[in-house]
Amino acid sequence: RWARRVQQPARALPTALWSLAKLDLELPAGSLAQVEATVLRSLDDFTPQGIFNTLWALAHFGGSKPSQQLLEALVAAMLDRLEWFKPSELAMTYWSLAKLKHALAPVPLERLQGRLLAVSLDFSMSEVSCVLYGASCMGKPDPLFLGQLVKQAFAMSHMWSTESISILAFTLGLIEHSPGDRLMARLRAEASQHVEQLGPHSMANVLWGFARLRCRLEPEALGRAEELLQQRLAGGELRGQDLANTAWAAAWHWDCAPRASLVAALGEQVLAGVASMTLSQLVRCVLCLSTLGWRPDAAQAAALAALEVTVPASREGME
């Protein structure tokens, strides 16, 4: 059935891909090459929505990495139709390219960011957040482009959700861009007020982003965050990058002296979650926890010593 569907006209394939991604499903095994061939063959007939749907879906398929040839062809098609993209489609296309870690050449990036800037007043708060995330992942952002979007995000603060707060804190921290004392105070107040509603991923983003910006939550909120972290660590809800970011941020937020129980819980979760961590994440966790006074017991030390990690040749000596 899938094989028949990908042979249908250009309008059907992007919709099928989008639907799979929306349902959190992966591409059927071995079908990516067939999908790529069909897209490349029929790309001239793709609408802006079709290009957006395809890139958005590819960004959500964790197990299927598209080829550079396909991404470059989709970018070229996008640039040819740039004026016809709806603001929402353009914002999410930019997010998708960032999520796919596809670097744009200077001229295409300038064209795309210029168009995003021209339609930015039509963005929703969610779309502003996605464009800011994209900007943080596309190299050093243009100051005018970044400044306009940051101002717009804060002007829409009455529409912030916990996701908006999380993305804004993470993005500003990633590029180490402080929006100024007044706006930072607003973000701090909103994050502190909604700390109870922050999920595990959002909590990790907020703590990490604020630490990068050398800012702490309000004292009462920070105390509650420490309690929530212990609960989520006990439930195994922090893994991989979120766990590494939380361990790194803990030293800043709690002056290198968080509760011993939090440090112990972080250490236990690191050992329990080794399978879901990259080498870089594992090394950062262990180093950060050691600065917080974590000392593995005999069994934990043996487990760490028994780990076998293969370092790619290109990264030897970096960790």
Protein backbone atom coordinates (compact mmCIF):
# COMPACT_ATOMS: atom_id res chain seq x y z
CA ARG A 1 0.00 0.00 0.00
CA TRP A 2 2.83 2.41 0.89
CA ALA A 3 4.71 1.53 -2.29
CA ARG A 4 1.63 2.41 -4.34
CA ARG A 5 1.07 5.68 -2.46
CA VAL A 6 4.55 7.09 -3.02
CA GLN A 7 4.05 6.70 -6.76
CA GLN A 8 1.05 9.06 -6.71
CA PRO A 9 1.29 12.74 -7.77
CA ALA A 10 3.24 15.38 -5.87
CA ARG A 11 0.33 16.50 -3.70
CA ALA A 12 -0.23 13.05 -2.17
CA LEU A 13 3.28 12.23 -1.00
CA PRO A 14 3.87 15.31 1.21
CA THR A 15 0.48 14.73 2.85
CA ALA A 16 1.30 11.08 3.49
CA LEU A 17 4.67 11.97 5.00
CA TRP A 18 3.14 14.71 7.16
CA SER A 19 0.44 12.33 8.39
CA LEU A 20 2.97 9.69 9.41
CA ALA A 21 5.05 12.25 11.32
CA LYS A 22 1.97 13.77 12.96
CA LEU A 23 1.08 10.32 14.30
CA ASP A 24 4.64 9.89 15.64
CA LEU A 25 5.26 7.05 13.21
CA GLU A 26 8.45 6.33 11.30
CA LEU A 27 8.87 5.64 7.62
CA PRO A 28 8.45 1.95 6.75
CA ALA A 29 11.79 0.18 6.80
CA GLY A 30 13.78 0.60 3.61
CA SER A 31 11.38 3.13 2.06
CA LEU A 32 13.44 6.32 2.39
CA ALA A 33 15.34 5.79 -0.87
CA GLN A 34 12.07 5.31 -2.73
CA VAL A 35 10.59 8.41 -1.09
CA GLU A 36 13.66 10.49 -2.00
CA ALA A 37 13.57 9.32 -5.61
CA THR A 38 9.87 10.20 -5.90
CA VAL A 39 10.35 13.63 -4.33
CA LEU A 40 13.29 14.48 -6.59
CA ARG A 41 11.39 13.31 -9.64
CA SER A 42 8.25 15.33 -8.91
CA LEU A 43 9.64 18.33 -6.98
CA ASP A 44 8.84 20.78 -9.78
CA ASP A 45 5.14 20.14 -9.05
CA PHE A 46 5.38 20.67 -5.28
CA THR A 47 3.46 23.57 -3.77
CA PRO A 48 4.96 25.61 -0.89
CA GLN A 49 2.76 23.58 1.46
CA GLY A 50 4.10 20.36 -0.06
CA ILE A 51 7.71 21.50 0.48
CA PHE A 52 6.93 22.49 4.06
CA ASN A 53 5.09 19.22 4.80
CA THR A 54 7.97 17.18 3.42
CA LEU A 55 10.69 19.01 5.37
CA TRP A 56 8.62 19.04 8.56
CA ALA A 57 8.02 15.30 8.30
CA LEU A 58 11.68 14.54 7.59
CA ALA A 59 12.63 16.57 10.68
CA HIS A 60 10.36 14.36 12.79
CA PHE A 61 11.53 10.99 11.46
CA GLY A 62 14.23 10.18 13.99
CA GLY A 63 15.24 6.91 12.39
CA SER A 64 15.52 8.12 8.79
CA LYS A 65 18.19 10.67 7.84
CA PRO A 66 17.58 12.26 4.43
CA SER A 67 20.42 12.78 1.98
CA GLN A 68 22.11 16.13 1.37
CA GLN A 69 20.97 15.91 -2.24
CA LEU A 70 17.33 15.79 -1.19
CA LEU A 71 17.66 18.62 1.34
CA GLU A 72 19.50 20.85 -1.10
CA ALA A 73 16.84 20.20 -3.75
CA LEU A 74 14.06 21.04 -1.29
CA VAL A 75 15.85 24.25 -0.25
CA ALA A 76 16.27 25.28 -3.90
CA ALA A 77 12.57 24.62 -4.51
CA MET A 78 11.67 26.63 -1.41
CA LEU A 79 13.75 29.61 -2.56
CA ASP A 80 12.08 29.50 -5.98
CA ARG A 81 8.66 29.81 -4.31
CA LEU A 82 9.68 31.92 -1.31
CA GLU A 83 7.14 34.71 -1.90
CA TRP A 84 4.29 32.19 -1.95
CA PHE A 85 4.89 30.60 1.44
CA LYS A 86 2.40 31.45 4.16
CA PRO A 87 4.10 32.91 7.27
CA SER A 88 3.30 29.78 9.30
CA GLU A 89 4.72 27.50 6.60
CA LEU A 90 7.88 29.59 6.34
CA ALA A 91 8.44 29.62 10.11
CA MET A 92 8.08 25.86 10.39
CA THR A 93 10.22 25.25 7.31
CA TYR A 94 13.02 27.24 8.97
CA TRP A 95 12.56 25.21 12.17
CA SER A 96 12.66 21.97 10.15
CA LEU A 97 15.94 22.85 8.46
CA ALA A 98 17.44 23.66 11.86
CA LYS A 99 16.16 20.40 13.30
CA LEU A 100 17.70 18.51 10.37
CA LYS A 101 21.01 20.34 11.06
CA HIS A 102 21.11 21.46 7.45
CA ALA A 103 23.43 24.46 7.11
CA LEU A 104 22.46 27.00 4.48
CA ALA A 105 24.98 28.92 2.41
CA PRO A 106 25.19 32.65 3.25
CA VAL A 107 23.10 33.91 0.29
CA PRO A 108 20.18 31.44 0.71
CA LEU A 109 20.23 32.04 4.47
CA GLU A 110 20.11 35.81 3.96
CA ARG A 111 17.19 35.46 1.55
CA LEU A 112 15.26 33.18 3.89
CA GLN A 113 15.85 35.32 6.96
CA GLY A 114 14.93 38.46 5.02
CA ARG A 115 11.60 36.94 4.05
CA LEU A 116 11.00 35.71 7.59
CA LEU A 117 11.63 39.23 8.86
CA ALA A 118 9.21 40.69 6.31
CA VAL A 119 6.33 38.47 7.47
CA SER A 120 7.28 38.23 11.16
CA LEU A 121 4.37 40.38 12.37
CA ASP A 122 2.02 37.65 11.14
CA PHE A 123 3.65 34.95 13.30
CA SER A 124 1.93 33.37 16.27
CA MET A 125 3.90 33.08 19.50
CA SER A 126 4.60 29.43 18.72
CA GLU A 127 5.97 30.37 15.30
CA VAL A 128 8.16 33.13 16.77
CA SER A 129 9.59 30.52 19.16
CA CYS A 130 10.30 28.13 16.27
CA VAL A 131 12.06 30.83 14.24
CA LEU A 132 14.17 31.80 17.25
CA TYR A 133 15.13 28.14 17.68
CA GLY A 134 16.06 27.99 14.01
CA ALA A 135 18.17 31.14 14.32
CA SER A 136 20.08 29.66 17.24
CA CYS A 137 20.98 26.58 15.18
CA MET A 138 21.94 28.34 11.94
CA GLY A 139 25.31 29.71 13.01
CA LYS A 140 25.73 33.23 14.37
CA PRO A 141 22.37 34.94 13.78
CA ASP A 142 22.13 38.31 12.07
CA PRO A 143 21.73 40.93 14.86
CA LEU A 144 18.84 42.73 13.13
CA PHE A 145 17.00 39.48 12.49
CA LEU A 146 17.55 38.21 16.02
CA GLY A 147 16.76 41.54 17.67
CA GLN A 148 13.43 41.91 15.89
CA LEU A 149 12.31 38.41 16.82
CA VAL A 150 13.37 38.75 20.45
CA LYS A 151 11.47 42.05 20.75
CA GLN A 152 8.43 40.44 19.15
CA ALA A 153 8.59 37.45 21.50
CA PHE A 154 8.60 39.72 24.55
CA ALA A 155 5.84 41.92 23.11
CA MET A 156 3.72 38.76 22.96
CA SER A 157 4.53 37.67 26.53
CA HIS A 158 0.83 37.71 27.42
CA MET A 159 0.51 34.74 25.04
CA TRP A 160 3.41 32.71 26.42
CA SER A 161 2.88 29.04 27.18
CA THR A 162 5.27 26.88 29.16
CA GLU A 163 6.63 25.69 25.80
CA SER A 164 7.26 29.30 24.73
CA ILE A 165 9.10 30.01 27.98
CA SER A 166 11.16 26.84 27.57
CA ILE A 167 12.13 27.53 23.94
CA LEU A 168 12.89 31.19 24.61
CA ALA A 169 15.11 30.39 27.61
CA PHE A 170 16.92 27.62 25.73
CA THR A 171 17.42 29.66 22.56
CA LEU A 172 18.69 32.78 24.31
CA GLY A 173 21.01 30.59 26.40
CA LEU A 174 22.28 28.72 23.36
CA ILE A 175 23.41 31.90 21.63
CA GLU A 176 24.21 33.60 24.98
CA HIS A 177 22.09 36.59 24.07
CA SER A 178 20.72 38.53 27.03
CA PRO A 179 17.65 40.56 26.05
CA GLY A 180 18.47 43.24 28.64
CA ASP A 181 17.66 43.58 32.33
CA ARG A 182 13.98 44.52 31.96
CA LEU A 183 13.10 41.78 29.50
CA MET A 184 15.20 39.20 31.35
CA ALA A 185 13.33 40.06 34.54
CA ARG A 186 10.06 39.43 32.70
CA LEU A 187 11.24 36.02 31.50
CA ARG A 188 12.47 35.17 35.01
CA ALA A 189 9.15 36.14 36.54
CA GLU A 190 7.14 34.10 34.02
CA ALA A 191 9.37 31.02 34.35
CA SER A 192 9.23 31.24 38.15
CA GLN A 193 5.45 31.63 38.14
CA HIS A 194 4.95 28.56 35.92
CA VAL A 195 7.64 26.29 37.36
CA GLU A 196 4.98 23.78 38.51
CA GLN A 197 3.72 23.40 34.94
CA LEU A 198 7.11 22.84 33.33
CA GLY A 199 7.51 19.26 32.12
CA PRO A 200 10.85 17.41 32.36
CA HIS A 201 12.14 18.65 29.00
CA SER A 202 10.94 22.22 29.56
CA MET A 203 12.43 22.28 33.05
CA ALA A 204 15.82 21.16 31.71
CA ASN A 205 15.66 23.83 28.98
CA VAL A 206 14.79 26.61 31.43
CA LEU A 207 17.45 25.69 33.99
CA TRP A 208 20.13 25.29 31.31
CA GLY A 209 19.19 28.45 29.40
CA PHE A 210 19.05 30.57 32.55
CA ALA A 211 22.40 29.22 33.70
CA ARG A 212 23.97 30.16 30.35
CA LEU A 213 22.54 33.66 30.79
CA ARG A 214 23.83 33.81 34.40
CA CYS A 215 20.35 34.22 35.81
CA ARG A 216 18.45 32.24 38.45
CA LEU A 217 14.80 31.62 39.04
CA GLU A 218 13.21 33.38 41.99
CA PRO A 219 14.25 31.69 45.30
CA GLU A 220 10.88 30.08 46.05
CA ALA A 221 10.56 28.78 42.48
CA LEU A 222 14.13 27.48 42.55
CA GLY A 223 13.39 25.52 45.72
CA ARG A 224 10.29 24.03 44.11
CA ALA A 225 12.28 23.20 40.96
CA GLU A 226 14.75 21.24 43.10
CA GLU A 227 11.89 19.20 44.59
CA LEU A 228 10.33 18.57 41.17
CA LEU A 229 13.68 17.47 39.74
CA GLN A 230 14.07 14.86 42.47
CA GLN A 231 10.60 13.50 41.73
CA ARG A 232 11.29 13.31 38.00
CA LEU A 233 14.67 11.72 38.49
CA ALA A 234 13.07 9.09 40.72
CA GLY A 235 10.58 8.42 37.93
CA GLY A 236 13.29 8.17 35.27
CA GLU A 237 11.83 11.11 33.35
CA LEU A 238 15.13 12.89 32.60
CA ARG A 239 17.34 11.25 29.98
CA GLY A 240 20.05 12.01 27.46
CA GLN A 241 20.51 15.68 26.64
CA ASP A 242 17.97 16.81 29.24
CA LEU A 243 19.85 14.96 31.96
CA ALA A 244 23.21 16.37 30.82
CA ASN A 245 21.83 19.91 30.69
CA THR A 246 20.28 19.59 34.15
CA ALA A 247 23.50 18.31 35.68
CA TRP A 248 25.45 21.17 34.12
CA ALA A 249 22.91 23.80 35.24
CA ALA A 250 22.66 22.51 38.81
CA ALA A 251 26.07 23.89 39.79
CA TRP A 252 25.06 27.41 38.76
CA HIS A 253 21.56 27.50 40.19
CA TRP A 254 22.49 26.04 43.56
CA ASP A 255 25.93 27.63 43.99
CA CYS A 256 27.70 24.28 43.61
CA ALA A 257 25.82 23.09 46.72
CA PRO A 258 22.45 21.54 45.84
CA ARG A 259 20.93 19.08 48.26
CA ALA A 260 22.96 15.90 48.56
CA SER A 261 19.82 13.93 47.70
CA LEU A 262 19.52 15.76 44.34
CA VAL A 263 23.15 15.10 43.48
CA ALA A 264 22.76 11.42 44.40
CA ALA A 265 19.59 11.15 42.31
CA LEU A 266 21.36 12.73 39.32
CA GLY A 267 24.23 10.27 39.68
CA GLU A 268 21.89 7.28 39.87
CA GLN A 269 19.96 8.43 36.81
CA VAL A 270 23.15 8.95 34.81
CA LEU A 271 24.15 5.34 35.46
CA ALA A 272 20.65 4.07 34.76
CA GLY A 273 20.40 6.06 31.53
CA VAL A 274 23.81 5.35 30.00
CA ALA A 275 22.21 3.55 27.06
CA SER A 276 20.32 6.70 26.02
CA MET A 277 23.31 9.03 26.29
CA THR A 278 26.02 10.00 23.85
CA LEU A 279 29.66 9.94 24.91
CA SER A 280 29.70 13.73 25.17
CA GLN A 281 26.59 13.77 27.36
CA LEU A 282 27.98 11.07 29.64
CA VAL A 283 31.34 12.82 30.06
CA ARG A 284 29.68 16.15 30.82
CA CYS A 285 27.36 14.55 33.37
CA VAL A 286 30.19 12.84 35.23
CA LEU A 287 32.36 15.98 35.21
CA CYS A 288 29.51 18.23 36.38
CA LEU A 289 28.45 15.84 39.11
CA SER A 290 32.02 15.52 40.35
CA THR A 291 32.15 19.31 40.84
CA LEU A 292 28.97 18.97 42.93
CA GLY A 293 30.64 16.48 45.22
CA TRP A 294 29.18 13.30 43.76
CA ARG A 295 31.31 10.29 44.56
CA PRO A 296 30.06 6.98 43.18
CA ASP A 297 29.93 4.09 45.59
CA ALA A 298 31.87 0.91 44.85
CA ALA A 299 29.12 -0.63 42.71
CA GLN A 300 28.59 2.58 40.74
CA ALA A 301 32.33 3.06 40.20
CA ALA A 302 32.58 -0.51 38.93
CA ALA A 303 29.68 0.12 36.54
CA LEU A 304 31.38 3.24 35.17
CA ALA A 305 34.70 1.45 34.82
CA ALA A 306 33.03 -1.37 32.91
CA LEU A 307 31.57 0.93 30.26
CA GLU A 308 32.91 0.35 26.77
CA VAL A 309 32.66 3.38 24.50
CA THR A 310 33.72 3.57 20.87
CA VAL A 311 34.96 7.04 19.94
CA PRO A 312 34.73 7.91 16.23
CA ALA A 313 38.15 8.56 14.71
CA SER A 314 37.20 12.17 13.96
CA ARG A 315 36.59 12.83 17.67
CA GLU A 316 39.54 11.07 19.25
CA GLY A 317 41.15 13.28 21.87
CA MET A 318 38.18 15.66 22.06
CA GLU A 319 36.37 14.07 25.02
